[in-house]
């Protein structure tokens, strides 16, 4: 279990990003939003050491779920990046959402 005292911010009003164990993100439309969702947040979440990042992206081809695991804070990147077009299930492999399935109930059917 996470010890919240360890992650309290200096001002005592919240928790640091290191307390986050998983992030689920839905990509926003627009060039600036997509750049932020696909690149900036990806780097910042890795830099923070967040173990699992899931990006559901309607604007990636015909739609895709990208699962990022194994953050590399020193490189602001990830050891494992698994991109799956909408259709097949994506199962979260670790962390508090381990076993959670992202499938057609969330993304809708495969788009051709």
PDB file of N, CA and C in Angstrom:
ATOM      1  N   UNK A   1       0.836  -1.183   0.000  1.00  0.00           N
ATOM      2  CA  UNK A   1       0.000   0.000   0.000  1.00  0.00           C
ATOM      3  C   UNK A   1       0.881   1.247   0.000  1.00  0.00           C
ATOM      4  N   UNK A   2       0.458   2.261  -0.679  1.00  0.00           N
ATOM      5  CA  UNK A   2       1.173   3.521  -0.801  1.00  0.00           C
ATOM      6  C   UNK A   2       1.109   4.300   0.507  1.00  0.00           C
ATOM      7  N   UNK A   3       2.237   4.806   0.956  1.00  0.00           N
ATOM      8  CA  UNK A   3       2.312   5.627   2.165  1.00  0.00           C
ATOM      9  C   UNK A   3       2.176   7.091   1.763  1.00  0.00           C
ATOM     10  N   UNK A   4       0.992   7.695   1.927  1.00  0.00           N
ATOM     11  CA  UNK A   4       0.781   9.059   1.445  1.00  0.00           C
ATOM     12  C   UNK A   4       1.699  10.087   2.098  1.00  0.00           C
ATOM     13  N   UNK A   5       2.098   9.871   3.331  1.00  0.00           N
ATOM     14  CA  UNK A   5       2.983  10.828   4.007  1.00  0.00           C
ATOM     15  C   UNK A   5       4.278  11.032   3.233  1.00  0.00           C
ATOM     16  N   UNK A   6       4.747  10.002   2.582  1.00  0.00           N
ATOM     17  CA  UNK A   6       6.000  10.064   1.833  1.00  0.00           C
ATOM     18  C   UNK A   6       5.906  10.989   0.619  1.00  0.00           C
ATOM     19  N   UNK A   7       4.693  11.180   0.103  1.00  0.00           N
ATOM     20  CA  UNK A   7       4.508  11.891  -1.156  1.00  0.00           C
ATOM     21  C   UNK A   7       3.818  13.253  -1.017  1.00  0.00           C
ATOM     22  N   UNK A   8       3.625  13.731   0.194  1.00  0.00           N
ATOM     23  CA  UNK A   8       2.969  15.017   0.394  1.00  0.00           C
ATOM     24  C   UNK A   8       3.854  16.133  -0.156  1.00  0.00           C
ATOM     25  N   UNK A   9       3.240  17.067  -0.889  1.00  0.00           N
ATOM     26  CA  UNK A   9       3.992  18.192  -1.447  1.00  0.00           C
ATOM     27  C   UNK A   9       4.471  19.110  -0.325  1.00  0.00           C
ATOM     28  N   UNK A  10       5.452  19.933  -0.626  1.00  0.00           N
ATOM     29  CA  UNK A  10       6.029  20.843   0.372  1.00  0.00           C
ATOM     30  C   UNK A  10       4.987  21.757   1.002  1.00  0.00           C
ATOM     31  N   UNK A  11       3.986  22.149   0.214  1.00  0.00           N
ATOM     32  CA  UNK A  11       2.962  23.049   0.757  1.00  0.00           C
ATOM     33  C   UNK A  11       1.867  22.289   1.513  1.00  0.00           C
ATOM     34  N   UNK A  12       1.933  20.945   1.498  1.00  0.00           N
ATOM     35  CA  UNK A  12       0.974  20.123   2.222  1.00  0.00           C
ATOM     36  C   UNK A  12      -0.402  20.053   1.597  1.00  0.00           C
ATOM     37  N   UNK A  13      -0.545  20.556   0.380  1.00  0.00           N
ATOM     38  CA  UNK A  13      -1.861  20.602  -0.256  1.00  0.00           C
ATOM     39  C   UNK A  13      -2.156  19.450  -1.209  1.00  0.00           C
ATOM     40  N   UNK A  14      -1.178  18.623  -1.482  1.00  0.00           N
ATOM     41  CA  UNK A  14      -1.407  17.529  -2.429  1.00  0.00           C
ATOM     42  C   UNK A  14      -0.313  16.501  -2.340  1.00  0.00           C
ATOM     43  N   UNK A  15      -0.288  15.648  -3.333  1.00  0.00           N
ATOM     44  CA  UNK A  15       0.725  14.603  -3.423  1.00  0.00           C
ATOM     45  C   UNK A  15       1.574  14.842  -4.658  1.00  0.00           C
ATOM     46  N   UNK A  16       2.815  14.404  -4.614  1.00  0.00           N
ATOM     47  CA  UNK A  16       3.701  14.531  -5.766  1.00  0.00           C
ATOM     48  C   UNK A  16       3.314  13.508  -6.837  1.00  0.00           C
ATOM     49  N   UNK A  17       3.786  13.735  -8.054  1.00  0.00           N
ATOM     50  CA  UNK A  17       3.486  12.821  -9.159  1.00  0.00           C
ATOM     51  C   UNK A  17       4.017  11.419  -8.890  1.00  0.00           C
ATOM     52  N   UNK A  18       5.053  11.297  -8.092  1.00  0.00           N
ATOM     53  CA  UNK A  18       5.630   9.982  -7.787  1.00  0.00           C
ATOM     54  C   UNK A  18       4.637   9.079  -7.055  1.00  0.00           C
ATOM     55  N   UNK A  19       3.579   9.639  -6.478  1.00  0.00           N
ATOM     56  CA  UNK A  19       2.562   8.841  -5.787  1.00  0.00           C
ATOM     57  C   UNK A  19       1.612   8.160  -6.764  1.00  0.00           C
ATOM     58  N   UNK A  20       1.594   8.613  -8.001  1.00  0.00           N
ATOM     59  CA  UNK A  20       0.666   8.079  -9.004  1.00  0.00           C
ATOM     60  C   UNK A  20       1.196   6.749  -9.527  1.00  0.00           C
ATOM     61  N   UNK A  21       0.362   5.738  -9.545  1.00  0.00           N
ATOM     62  CA  UNK A  21       0.768   4.398  -9.978  1.00  0.00           C
ATOM     63  C   UNK A  21       0.327   4.083 -11.395  1.00  0.00           C
ATOM     64  N   UNK A  22      -0.706   4.748 -11.893  1.00  0.00           N
ATOM     65  CA  UNK A  22      -1.190   4.513 -13.255  1.00  0.00           C
ATOM     66  C   UNK A  22      -1.937   5.761 -13.730  1.00  0.00           C
ATOM     67  N   UNK A  23      -1.776   6.061 -15.022  1.00  0.00           N
ATOM     68  CA  UNK A  23      -2.514   7.159 -15.641  1.00  0.00           C
ATOM     69  C   UNK A  23      -3.209   6.627 -16.884  1.00  0.00           C
ATOM     70  N   UNK A  24      -4.501   6.948 -16.992  1.00  0.00           N
ATOM     71  CA  UNK A  24      -5.270   6.672 -18.200  1.00  0.00           C
ATOM     72  C   UNK A  24      -5.558   8.017 -18.844  1.00  0.00           C
ATOM     73  N   UNK A  25      -5.169   8.162 -20.084  1.00  0.00           N
ATOM     74  CA  UNK A  25      -5.310   9.424 -20.811  1.00  0.00           C
ATOM     75  C   UNK A  25      -6.123   9.185 -22.074  1.00  0.00           C
ATOM     76  N   UNK A  26      -7.004  10.120 -22.382  1.00  0.00           N
ATOM     77  CA  UNK A  26      -7.721  10.102 -23.650  1.00  0.00           C
ATOM     78  C   UNK A  26      -7.210  11.290 -24.446  1.00  0.00           C
ATOM     79  N   UNK A  27      -6.671  11.020 -25.635  1.00  0.00           N
ATOM     80  CA  UNK A  27      -6.089  12.079 -26.456  1.00  0.00           C
ATOM     81  C   UNK A  27      -7.159  13.097 -26.855  1.00  0.00           C
ATOM     82  N   UNK A  28      -6.741  14.348 -26.824  1.00  0.00           N
ATOM     83  CA  UNK A  28      -7.632  15.453 -27.208  1.00  0.00           C
ATOM     84  C   UNK A  28      -7.374  15.833 -28.662  1.00  0.00           C
ATOM     85  N   UNK A  29      -8.402  16.308 -29.368  1.00  0.00           N
ATOM     86  CA  UNK A  29      -8.212  16.703 -30.766  1.00  0.00           C
ATOM     87  C   UNK A  29      -7.409  17.999 -30.883  1.00  0.00           C
ATOM     88  N   UNK A  30      -6.860  18.199 -32.051  1.00  0.00           N
ATOM     89  CA  UNK A  30      -6.115  19.420 -32.331  1.00  0.00           C
ATOM     90  C   UNK A  30      -4.619  19.176 -32.252  1.00  0.00           C
ATOM     91  N   UNK A  31      -3.890  19.817 -33.131  1.00  0.00           N
ATOM     92  CA  UNK A  31      -2.445  19.596 -33.241  1.00  0.00           C
ATOM     93  C   UNK A  31      -1.707  19.848 -31.922  1.00  0.00           C
ATOM     94  N   UNK A  32      -1.986  20.964 -31.271  1.00  0.00           N
ATOM     95  CA  UNK A  32      -1.289  21.281 -30.012  1.00  0.00           C
ATOM     96  C   UNK A  32      -1.648  20.291 -28.911  1.00  0.00           C
ATOM     97  N   UNK A  33      -2.914  19.911 -28.841  1.00  0.00           N
ATOM     98  CA  UNK A  33      -3.353  18.955 -27.825  1.00  0.00           C
ATOM     99  C   UNK A  33      -2.723  17.584 -28.049  1.00  0.00           C
ATOM    100  N   UNK A  34      -2.700  17.147 -29.310  1.00  0.00           N
ATOM    101  CA  UNK A  34      -2.109  15.842 -29.606  1.00  0.00           C
ATOM    102  C   UNK A  34      -0.614  15.831 -29.306  1.00  0.00           C
ATOM    103  N   UNK A  35       0.086  16.904 -29.622  1.00  0.00           N
ATOM    104  CA  UNK A  35       1.516  16.999 -29.294  1.00  0.00           C
ATOM    105  C   UNK A  35       1.710  16.895 -27.778  1.00  0.00           C
ATOM    106  N   UNK A  36       0.864  17.578 -27.037  1.00  0.00           N
ATOM    107  CA  UNK A  36       0.947  17.523 -25.570  1.00  0.00           C
ATOM    108  C   UNK A  36       0.667  16.105 -25.073  1.00  0.00           C
ATOM    109  N   UNK A  37      -0.414  15.484 -25.565  1.00  0.00           N
ATOM    110  CA  UNK A  37      -0.809  14.162 -25.086  1.00  0.00           C
ATOM    111  C   UNK A  37       0.166  13.069 -25.514  1.00  0.00           C
ATOM    112  N   UNK A  38       0.659  13.143 -26.741  1.00  0.00           N
ATOM    113  CA  UNK A  38       1.515  12.072 -27.273  1.00  0.00           C
ATOM    114  C   UNK A  38       2.988  12.224 -26.923  1.00  0.00           C
ATOM    115  N   UNK A  39       3.460  13.429 -26.711  1.00  0.00           N
ATOM    116  CA  UNK A  39       4.894  13.630 -26.502  1.00  0.00           C
ATOM    117  C   UNK A  39       5.209  14.215 -25.124  1.00  0.00           C
ATOM    118  N   UNK A  40       4.692  15.387 -24.841  1.00  0.00           N
ATOM    119  CA  UNK A  40       5.057  16.064 -23.591  1.00  0.00           C
ATOM    120  C   UNK A  40       4.642  15.253 -22.364  1.00  0.00           C
ATOM    121  N   UNK A  41       3.380  14.834 -22.306  1.00  0.00           N
ATOM    122  CA  UNK A  41       2.922  14.068 -21.152  1.00  0.00           C
ATOM    123  C   UNK A  41       3.646  12.739 -21.062  1.00  0.00           C
ATOM    124  N   UNK A  42       3.884  12.111 -22.197  1.00  0.00           N
ATOM    125  CA  UNK A  42       4.620  10.840 -22.223  1.00  0.00           C
ATOM    126  C   UNK A  42       5.988  11.002 -21.548  1.00  0.00           C
ATOM    127  N   UNK A  43       6.712  12.058 -21.894  1.00  0.00           N
ATOM    128  CA  UNK A  43       8.036  12.316 -21.292  1.00  0.00           C
ATOM    129  C   UNK A  43       7.915  12.645 -19.806  1.00  0.00           C
ATOM    130  N   UNK A  44       6.955  13.500 -19.469  1.00  0.00           N
ATOM    131  CA  UNK A  44       6.819  13.930 -18.074  1.00  0.00           C
ATOM    132  C   UNK A  44       6.380  12.792 -17.164  1.00  0.00           C
ATOM    133  N   UNK A  45       5.501  11.924 -17.644  1.00  0.00           N
ATOM    134  CA  UNK A  45       5.071  10.785 -16.830  1.00  0.00           C
ATOM    135  C   UNK A  45       6.235   9.807 -16.628  1.00  0.00           C
ATOM    136  N   UNK A  46       7.048   9.606 -17.646  1.00  0.00           N
ATOM    137  CA  UNK A  46       8.229   8.751 -17.500  1.00  0.00           C
ATOM    138  C   UNK A  46       9.215   9.391 -16.527  1.00  0.00           C
ATOM    139  N   UNK A  47       9.433  10.687 -16.668  1.00  0.00           N
ATOM    140  CA  UNK A  47      10.361  11.407 -15.791  1.00  0.00           C
ATOM    141  C   UNK A  47       9.914  11.322 -14.332  1.00  0.00           C
ATOM    142  N   UNK A  48       8.596  11.296 -14.099  1.00  0.00           N
ATOM    143  CA  UNK A  48       8.055  11.200 -12.744  1.00  0.00           C
ATOM    144  C   UNK A  48       8.118   9.766 -12.203  1.00  0.00           C
ATOM    145  N   UNK A  49       8.427   8.792 -13.079  1.00  0.00           N
ATOM    146  CA  UNK A  49       8.529   7.400 -12.635  1.00  0.00           C
ATOM    147  C   UNK A  49       7.184   6.717 -12.451  1.00  0.00           C
ATOM    148  N   UNK A  50       6.154   7.223 -13.100  1.00  0.00           N
ATOM    149  CA  UNK A  50       4.830   6.605 -13.005  1.00  0.00           C
ATOM    150  C   UNK A  50       4.889   5.260 -13.736  1.00  0.00           C
ATOM    151  N   UNK A  51       4.573   4.155 -13.045  1.00  0.00           N
ATOM    152  CA  UNK A  51       4.809   2.818 -13.614  1.00  0.00           C
ATOM    153  C   UNK A  51       4.021   2.460 -14.869  1.00  0.00           C
ATOM    154  N   UNK A  52       2.793   2.950 -14.996  1.00  0.00           N
ATOM    155  CA  UNK A  52       1.945   2.566 -16.129  1.00  0.00           C
ATOM    156  C   UNK A  52       1.240   3.813 -16.668  1.00  0.00           C
ATOM    157  N   UNK A  53       1.332   3.982 -17.982  1.00  0.00           N
ATOM    158  CA  UNK A  53       0.631   5.073 -18.669  1.00  0.00           C
ATOM    159  C   UNK A  53      -0.117   4.468 -19.848  1.00  0.00           C
ATOM    160  N   UNK A  54      -1.415   4.745 -19.936  1.00  0.00           N
ATOM    161  CA  UNK A  54      -2.248   4.227 -21.014  1.00  0.00           C
ATOM    162  C   UNK A  54      -2.824   5.414 -21.777  1.00  0.00           C
ATOM    163  N   UNK A  55      -2.583   5.453 -23.089  1.00  0.00           N
ATOM    164  CA  UNK A  55      -3.106   6.515 -23.937  1.00  0.00           C
ATOM    165  C   UNK A  55      -4.119   5.919 -24.908  1.00  0.00           C
ATOM    166  N   UNK A  56      -5.365   6.355 -24.792  1.00  0.00           N
ATOM    167  CA  UNK A  56      -6.428   5.964 -25.720  1.00  0.00           C
ATOM    168  C   UNK A  56      -6.545   7.107 -26.712  1.00  0.00           C
ATOM    169  N   UNK A  57      -6.272   6.800 -27.995  1.00  0.00           N
ATOM    170  CA  UNK A  57      -6.093   7.864 -28.983  1.00  0.00           C
ATOM    171  C   UNK A  57      -6.953   7.616 -30.221  1.00  0.00           C
ATOM    172  N   UNK A  58      -8.083   8.306 -30.297  1.00  0.00           N
ATOM    173  CA  UNK A  58      -8.972   8.209 -31.465  1.00  0.00           C
ATOM    174  C   UNK A  58      -8.322   8.750 -32.729  1.00  0.00           C
ATOM    175  N   UNK A  59      -7.277   9.545 -32.592  1.00  0.00           N
ATOM    176  CA  UNK A  59      -6.668  10.250 -33.720  1.00  0.00           C
ATOM    177  C   UNK A  59      -5.391   9.574 -34.222  1.00  0.00           C
ATOM    178  N   UNK A  60      -5.066   8.418 -33.685  1.00  0.00           N
ATOM    179  CA  UNK A  60      -3.887   7.644 -34.100  1.00  0.00           C
ATOM    180  C   UNK A  60      -4.352   6.627 -35.135  1.00  0.00           C
ATOM    181  N   UNK A  61      -4.192   6.967 -36.413  1.00  0.00           N
ATOM    182  CA  UNK A  61      -4.682   6.090 -37.481  1.00  0.00           C
ATOM    183  C   UNK A  61      -6.180   5.910 -37.346  1.00  0.00           C
ATOM    184  N   UNK A  62      -6.605   4.674 -37.203  1.00  0.00           N
ATOM    185  CA  UNK A  62      -8.019   4.357 -37.021  1.00  0.00           C
ATOM    186  C   UNK A  62      -8.370   4.214 -35.542  1.00  0.00           C
ATOM    187  N   UNK A  63      -7.513   4.735 -34.686  1.00  0.00           N
ATOM    188  CA  UNK A  63      -7.681   4.626 -33.247  1.00  0.00           C
ATOM    189  C   UNK A  63      -6.730   3.586 -32.698  1.00  0.00           C
ATOM    190  N   UNK A  64      -6.110   3.893 -31.568  1.00  0.00           N
ATOM    191  CA  UNK A  64      -5.152   2.960 -30.966  1.00  0.00           C
ATOM    192  C   UNK A  64      -5.067   3.188 -29.463  1.00  0.00           C
ATOM    193  N   UNK A  65      -4.724   2.121 -28.762  1.00  0.00           N
ATOM    194  CA  UNK A  65      -4.407   2.177 -27.346  1.00  0.00           C
ATOM    195  C   UNK A  65      -2.912   1.926 -27.249  1.00  0.00           C
ATOM    196  N   UNK A  66      -2.214   2.837 -26.575  1.00  0.00           N
ATOM    197  CA  UNK A  66      -0.781   2.645 -26.373  1.00  0.00           C
ATOM    198  C   UNK A  66      -0.531   2.484 -24.884  1.00  0.00           C
ATOM    199  N   UNK A  67       0.165   1.393 -24.544  1.00  0.00           N
ATOM    200  CA  UNK A  67       0.481   1.060 -23.161  1.00  0.00           C
ATOM    201  C   UNK A  67       1.972   1.281 -22.951  1.00  0.00           C
ATOM    202  N   UNK A  68       2.297   2.142 -22.000  1.00  0.00           N
ATOM    203  CA  UNK A  68       3.686   2.445 -21.655  1.00  0.00           C
ATOM    204  C   UNK A  68       3.977   1.860 -20.280  1.00  0.00           C
ATOM    205  N   UNK A  69       5.035   1.059 -20.158  1.00  0.00           N
ATOM    206  CA  UNK A  69       5.462   0.522 -18.861  1.00  0.00           C
ATOM    207  C   UNK A  69       6.985   0.612 -18.783  1.00  0.00           C
ATOM    208  N   UNK A  70       7.509   0.457 -17.581  1.00  0.00           N
ATOM    209  CA  UNK A  70       8.953   0.528 -17.385  1.00  0.00           C
ATOM    210  C   UNK A  70       9.492   1.932 -17.593  1.00  0.00           C
ATOM    211  N   UNK A  71       9.033   2.898 -16.781  1.00  0.00           N
ATOM    212  CA  UNK A  71       9.509   4.265 -16.976  1.00  0.00           C
ATOM    213  C   UNK A  71      11.016   4.380 -16.757  1.00  0.00           C
ATOM    214  N   UNK A  72      11.650   5.238 -17.531  1.00  0.00           N
ATOM    215  CA  UNK A  72      13.080   5.547 -17.405  1.00  0.00           C
ATOM    216  C   UNK A  72      13.214   7.029 -17.077  1.00  0.00           C
ATOM    217  N   UNK A  73      13.092   7.405 -15.803  1.00  0.00           N
ATOM    218  CA  UNK A  73      13.134   8.818 -15.439  1.00  0.00           C
ATOM    219  C   UNK A  73      14.388   9.539 -15.943  1.00  0.00           C
ATOM    220  N   UNK A  74      15.511   8.842 -15.965  1.00  0.00           N
ATOM    221  CA  UNK A  74      16.766   9.453 -16.415  1.00  0.00           C
ATOM    222  C   UNK A  74      16.753   9.777 -17.908  1.00  0.00           C
ATOM    223  N   UNK A  75      15.949   9.078 -18.674  1.00  0.00           N
ATOM    224  CA  UNK A  75      15.857   9.271 -20.127  1.00  0.00           C
ATOM    225  C   UNK A  75      14.542   9.927 -20.557  1.00  0.00           C
ATOM    226  N   UNK A  76      13.618  10.124 -19.598  1.00  0.00           N
ATOM    227  CA  UNK A  76      12.276  10.641 -19.901  1.00  0.00           C
ATOM    228  C   UNK A  76      11.630   9.809 -21.007  1.00  0.00           C
ATOM    229  N   UNK A  77      11.756   8.489 -20.869  1.00  0.00           N
ATOM    230  CA  UNK A  77      11.206   7.570 -21.854  1.00  0.00           C
ATOM    231  C   UNK A  77      10.801   6.280 -21.153  1.00  0.00           C
ATOM    232  N   UNK A  78      10.383   5.300 -21.927  1.00  0.00           N
ATOM    233  CA  UNK A  78       9.833   4.056 -21.407  1.00  0.00           C
ATOM    234  C   UNK A  78      10.589   2.865 -21.974  1.00  0.00           C
ATOM    235  N   UNK A  79      10.732   1.808 -21.165  1.00  0.00           N
ATOM    236  CA  UNK A  79      11.351   0.566 -21.639  1.00  0.00           C
ATOM    237  C   UNK A  79      10.429  -0.209 -22.573  1.00  0.00           C
ATOM    238  N   UNK A  80       9.130  -0.177 -22.305  1.00  0.00           N
ATOM    239  CA  UNK A  80       8.200  -0.970 -23.103  1.00  0.00           C
ATOM    240  C   UNK A  80       7.039  -0.096 -23.559  1.00  0.00           C
ATOM    241  N   UNK A  81       6.852  -0.028 -24.857  1.00  0.00           N
ATOM    242  CA  UNK A  81       5.748   0.716 -25.452  1.00  0.00           C
ATOM    243  C   UNK A  81       5.013  -0.248 -26.374  1.00  0.00           C
ATOM    244  N   UNK A  82       3.755  -0.462 -26.077  1.00  0.00           N
ATOM    245  CA  UNK A  82       2.959  -1.445 -26.811  1.00  0.00           C
ATOM    246  C   UNK A  82       1.733  -0.739 -27.383  1.00  0.00           C
ATOM    247  N   UNK A  83       1.696  -0.556 -28.708  1.00  0.00           N
ATOM    248  CA  UNK A  83       0.589   0.126 -29.390  1.00  0.00           C
ATOM    249  C   UNK A  83      -0.300  -0.919 -30.058  1.00  0.00           C
ATOM    250  N   UNK A  84      -1.605  -0.835 -29.778  1.00  0.00           N
ATOM    251  CA  UNK A  84      -2.562  -1.793 -30.317  1.00  0.00           C
ATOM    252  C   UNK A  84      -3.706  -1.011 -30.986  1.00  0.00           C
ATOM    253  N   UNK A  85      -3.943  -1.253 -32.285  1.00  0.00           N
ATOM    254  CA  UNK A  85      -5.090  -0.603 -32.931  1.00  0.00           C
ATOM    255  C   UNK A  85      -6.384  -1.021 -32.236  1.00  0.00           C
ATOM    256  N   UNK A  86      -7.400  -0.171 -32.289  1.00  0.00           N
ATOM    257  CA  UNK A  86      -8.694  -0.529 -31.716  1.00  0.00           C
ATOM    258  C   UNK A  86      -9.132  -1.878 -32.276  1.00  0.00           C
ATOM    259  N   UNK A  87      -9.730  -2.664 -31.415  1.00  0.00           N
ATOM    260  CA  UNK A  87     -10.219  -3.990 -31.791  1.00  0.00           C
ATOM    261  C   UNK A  87      -9.769  -5.012 -30.772  1.00  0.00           C
ATOM    262  N   UNK A  88      -8.491  -5.437 -30.811  1.00  0.00           N
ATOM    263  CA  UNK A  88      -8.020  -6.394 -29.819  1.00  0.00           C
ATOM    264  C   UNK A  88      -8.000  -5.788 -28.416  1.00  0.00           C
ATOM    265  N   UNK A  89      -8.209  -6.631 -27.416  1.00  0.00           N
ATOM    266  CA  UNK A  89      -8.146  -6.186 -26.026  1.00  0.00           C
ATOM    267  C   UNK A  89      -6.716  -5.844 -25.623  1.00  0.00           C
ATOM    268  N   UNK A  90      -6.593  -4.857 -24.752  1.00  0.00           N
ATOM    269  CA  UNK A  90      -5.320  -4.510 -24.128  1.00  0.00           C
ATOM    270  C   UNK A  90      -5.524  -4.707 -22.630  1.00  0.00           C
ATOM    271  N   UNK A  91      -4.680  -5.531 -22.012  1.00  0.00           N
ATOM    272  CA  UNK A  91      -4.790  -5.822 -20.586  1.00  0.00           C
ATOM    273  C   UNK A  91      -3.637  -5.157 -19.843  1.00  0.00           C
ATOM    274  N   UNK A  92      -3.960  -4.424 -18.798  1.00  0.00           N
ATOM    275  CA  UNK A  92      -2.937  -3.755 -17.996  1.00  0.00           C
ATOM    276  C   UNK A  92      -2.145  -4.835 -17.255  1.00  0.00           C
ATOM    277  N   UNK A  93      -0.795  -4.853 -17.436  1.00  0.00           N
ATOM    278  CA  UNK A  93      -0.001  -5.955 -16.911  1.00  0.00           C
ATOM    279  C   UNK A  93       0.450  -5.821 -15.461  1.00  0.00           C
ATOM    280  N   UNK A  94       0.358  -4.616 -14.883  1.00  0.00           N
ATOM    281  CA  UNK A  94       0.905  -4.436 -13.536  1.00  0.00           C
ATOM    282  C   UNK A  94       0.240  -3.255 -12.857  1.00  0.00           C
ATOM    283  N   UNK A  95       0.568  -3.073 -11.588  1.00  0.00           N
ATOM    284  CA  UNK A  95       0.077  -1.929 -10.835  1.00  0.00           C
ATOM    285  C   UNK A  95      -1.338  -2.118 -10.324  1.00  0.00           C
ATOM    286  N   UNK A  96      -1.942  -1.048  -9.814  1.00  0.00           N
ATOM    287  CA  UNK A  96      -3.267  -1.152  -9.200  1.00  0.00           C
ATOM    288  C   UNK A  96      -4.378  -1.502 -10.189  1.00  0.00           C
ATOM    289  N   UNK A  97      -4.138  -1.304 -11.469  1.00  0.00           N
ATOM    290  CA  UNK A  97      -5.146  -1.650 -12.477  1.00  0.00           C
ATOM    291  C   UNK A  97      -4.816  -2.968 -13.177  1.00  0.00           C
ATOM    292  N   UNK A  98      -3.905  -3.742 -12.604  1.00  0.00           N
ATOM    293  CA  UNK A  98      -3.494  -5.012 -13.210  1.00  0.00           C
ATOM    294  C   UNK A  98      -4.723  -5.857 -13.541  1.00  0.00           C
ATOM    295  N   UNK A  99      -4.753  -6.324 -14.792  1.00  0.00           N
ATOM    296  CA  UNK A  99      -5.857  -7.165 -15.235  1.00  0.00           C
ATOM    297  C   UNK A  99      -7.009  -6.387 -15.861  1.00  0.00           C
ATOM    298  N   UNK A 100      -7.022  -5.067 -15.707  1.00  0.00           N
ATOM    299  CA  UNK A 100      -8.073  -4.251 -16.322  1.00  0.00           C
ATOM    300  C   UNK A 100      -7.946  -4.357 -17.835  1.00  0.00           C
ATOM    301  N   UNK A 101      -9.060  -4.575 -18.508  1.00  0.00           N
ATOM    302  CA  UNK A 101      -9.060  -4.771 -19.948  1.00  0.00           C
ATOM    303  C   UNK A 101      -9.656  -3.552 -20.648  1.00  0.00           C
ATOM    304  N   UNK A 102      -8.922  -3.035 -21.633  1.00  0.00           N
ATOM    305  CA  UNK A 102      -9.425  -1.974 -22.486  1.00  0.00           C
ATOM    306  C   UNK A 102      -9.785  -2.637 -23.800  1.00  0.00           C
ATOM    307  N   UNK A 103     -11.063  -2.713 -24.053  1.00  0.00           N
ATOM    308  CA  UNK A 103     -11.547  -3.381 -25.261  1.00  0.00           C
ATOM    309  C   UNK A 103     -12.619  -2.556 -25.934  1.00  0.00           C
ATOM    310  N   UNK A 104     -13.418  -3.209 -26.747  1.00  0.00           N
ATOM    311  CA  UNK A 104     -14.438  -2.530 -27.528  1.00  0.00           C
ATOM    312  C   UNK A 104     -15.457  -1.780 -26.674  1.00  0.00           C
ATOM    313  N   UNK A 105     -15.663  -2.218 -25.453  1.00  0.00           N
ATOM    314  CA  UNK A 105     -16.580  -1.513 -24.576  1.00  0.00           C
ATOM    315  C   UNK A 105     -16.107  -0.108 -24.245  1.00  0.00           C
ATOM    316  N   UNK A 106     -14.826   0.122 -24.372  1.00  0.00           N
ATOM    317  CA  UNK A 106     -14.231   1.423 -24.094  1.00  0.00           C
ATOM    318  C   UNK A 106     -13.916   2.166 -25.397  1.00  0.00           C
ATOM    319  N   UNK A 107     -13.297   1.484 -26.340  1.00  0.00           N
ATOM    320  CA  UNK A 107     -12.836   2.143 -27.568  1.00  0.00           C
ATOM    321  C   UNK A 107     -13.858   2.123 -28.703  1.00  0.00           C
ATOM    322  N   UNK A 108     -14.816   1.209 -28.611  1.00  0.00           N
ATOM    323  CA  UNK A 108     -15.691   0.958 -29.736  1.00  0.00           C
ATOM    324  C   UNK A 108     -15.037  -0.091 -30.625  1.00  0.00           C
ATOM    325  N   UNK A 109     -15.738  -0.530 -31.673  1.00  0.00           N
ATOM    326  CA  UNK A 109     -15.186  -1.585 -32.530  1.00  0.00           C
ATOM    327  C   UNK A 109     -14.018  -1.104 -33.370  1.00  0.00           C
ATOM    328  N   UNK A 110     -13.314  -2.065 -33.906  1.00  0.00           N
ATOM    329  CA  UNK A 110     -12.207  -1.791 -34.818  1.00  0.00           C
ATOM    330  C   UNK A 110     -12.698  -0.879 -35.950  1.00  0.00           C
ATOM    331  N   UNK A 111     -11.873   0.060 -36.324  1.00  0.00           N
ATOM    332  CA  UNK A 111     -12.229   0.999 -37.389  1.00  0.00           C
ATOM    333  C   UNK A 111     -11.361   0.715 -38.606  1.00  0.00           C
ATOM    334  N   UNK A 112     -11.984   0.587 -39.766  1.00  0.00           N
ATOM    335  CA  UNK A 112     -11.220   0.315 -40.990  1.00  0.00           C
ATOM    336  C   UNK A 112     -11.212   1.501 -41.909  1.00  0.00           C
TER     337      UNK A 112
END
